[in-house]
Amino acid sequence: MAAATTPPTPSTPFFLDDGAGGQRLCVHYPATGAARGQILLLPPFAEEMNKSRRMIALAARAFAAAGFEVLTIDLLGCGDSSGDFGDASWSHWQDDVRLAVDWLDARALPGPPGPDGVKPPLWLWGLRAGALLAPAAFDALADRPLHLLLWQPLAAGKLQLQQFMRLRVAADLIGGQAKGAVQAMRDQLARGEPVEIAATCSRPRWPKASIRPVEAVGACAPRRVAGALAARRRDAHARRGDGRRRLDRARRRGARRRLPGPVVLGGHRDRGSAAPDRSQPRRAERRRGLRDSPGRGGARMNATAAPAHRDSVLRIDCDGQALVGLLSEPVVAISAASNAASASASASMNAAAPDTGVLLIVGGPQYRVGSHRQFTLLGRALAGAGVPCLRLDHRGMGDAQGEQRDFEQLDADIAAAIDAWQREHPSLKRVVLWGLCDAASAALLYVHRRRDPRVAGLCLANPWVRTATSLARAQVKHYYLDRLRQPAFWRKLLSGRVGLGAVRELLGKLAQSRAPAHAAGSSSATSLVDTRHYTEQMADGLRAFGGPVLLILSGDDVCANEFLDRCRDGGPAWQGLLTRPGLRREDLPDADHTFSTAAWRAHVERLTAAFVRGVPAAA
């Protein structure tokens, strides 16, 4: 007899009001049974959060099943929270940590209280650079036991900054411009100029308000954490001593010693002074955000903070498992909905509400935010242009439940997302599927297998058609041949600086590239109707689809080159697809796979918005 499996712990995504009109996306995992404590995630930095989100969700569910209440939070300008990365500063992120601590501290936990009525301990779960934010939580809670849980913590923010800069260095290396790149970026920061790294840090205030505090505060962080822990140990001894008066003296000493060295906070220098005064009015202001938490009236947001769009959480059920969708909507449509107090007002609202939206499918080892917040920013840009956009964590991805699956197995998830969207917004009649890389492939497989009449258009960015053969052909054609044309390569070869391993690799790629197109890579039989190789199904889907198609191709991308090679040399199924009626091709000659500059990203946003507005109206 098989052992019974424990159902996954339910989670509740919600937006927490920051008291100033902004939103912070939080995910709450309630404890199973009596709560043994609470855990607050101090999130990692930038792309590390995108790649680790799934592991964080799995660990949070395991903690909740073991009796711990867990809260994760996206900081200002990060993830699904409001604001731009360039708007954030280290002090803003510290305030966000205190906001989350306040939310947890205000909750009534299930189970009996601890000794002397003290709540169970709060664990600060710091992942990578998130560990450097722990002192902000020490400042927010003085009367409660605190513990640290640190995963791969950084010893200093300087290390994080160096690793972040390597993204820019790697891009410059490919373009042959990497010499002195790190020093040039540091010089820009020193002059207070913006530095763009993977489409982030594009605001002029970012170097002054955020990067330098990350580096400077991080350099002092080990001493700050040690000093704060020492202060809390003194608090514990005093609590067991002669009462409140001694405890107050210990706190005052801890406050004076909490910052033992020079620390840059938000561009200001603090030479070991006491922690900022957390006055009651400010704390009460943060408390007002608690009304937006689960069980306190749902999420809300001051529309003045984001005049062009509003984000909300859409829960989606797919075969009994909860998916997570983030819906960005135009503010005009929301205002019309909130003012519809009569049948006639409701009718006019439905007539004015958008009837076409974009379902953004996410592929690869990431989640709905995307690399450098690409999908979050695309969804908000579309909403600002009047087009609602739903970003989806399918089963096994990000915060969604279920086992991990590949792009050939997403049909049910896509259909469930459209169903849930239409139930919540009956005015929605049609959707445009948008996908990058293997998500574009998933969109073509969906229209081929489901023939869903609700799909009115396709936006396909650098579609994935890879096999070992196609990759070898693309590398030989678009990389190795270029290298053979460069005099520098021949000088290295003749001087002995090109190793035999590189020559063997080239010969191996040449042999692979001559193999039949389908020889490498097998199809997983995800459909009972069609078990052909997924690339053949994609071709049939693109040929048979009756709506318009926007094809966006990057010039500096192997996946895009493989797709073009497949359209030229992939056999009868692919012939003529680039010239099929209704297909509009847009080339970005210098762009990389994820459009990782602000200019490339904005170009894609404009192309998508214009395309969706041009989709023919529903009959």
Foldseek 3Di string as FASTA:
>chain_A
DDDDDDDFFDKDWAWFEQLPQWTKIKIKGAADAFAQEEEEELDDDAVVCFQCQLVVLVVCRVNRPVRYIYMYIAFAQGDQIDHNLLVDFPVSRLSVVLLVLLLVVPDDTPDDADPPRAHREYEYEYEALSVLSVLSSLVNDQPHHYHYHYHNYDQFLQVVLVVQCVQVLVVVVVVVRNVCSVVVVVVCLVVQAFDAGLAGRHDSLRSQGHSVLRGQSRNQSVQLVVLSVVLSVLLVVQVPDDDDVSNVVSNVVSQQPNRCAWHAHRNDTDGSHGDDDPDPVNSVSSVVSSCCDPPNPHHDGDCVSPVFWDWTWFWFAFPNWTKIKIKIAGVVLVVLVVPQPDPVSVVVSLVPQDQEAEEEEEFDSGAQLDRSSLNSVLQNLLNSLGHMYMGIQFDCHRNIHHNDDHLLQCLRVVVRVVVRVCVVPVSHQAYEYEYAESSLLSVLLNCLPPVDPRYAEYEYELYAPDFLQLLLQLCVVPPVVVLVPDPVNVVCVVVVVDDPVVVVVNVVSVVSNPDDPPPGDAFDQNDPVDRHRSNLSSLVSLQPDDHAYEYEYEQAESSSSSVVCCLVPVPPSNDPSCVHPRYDYDYDNHAYRSRRHNVSSVVVSVVVSVVSVPRDDDD
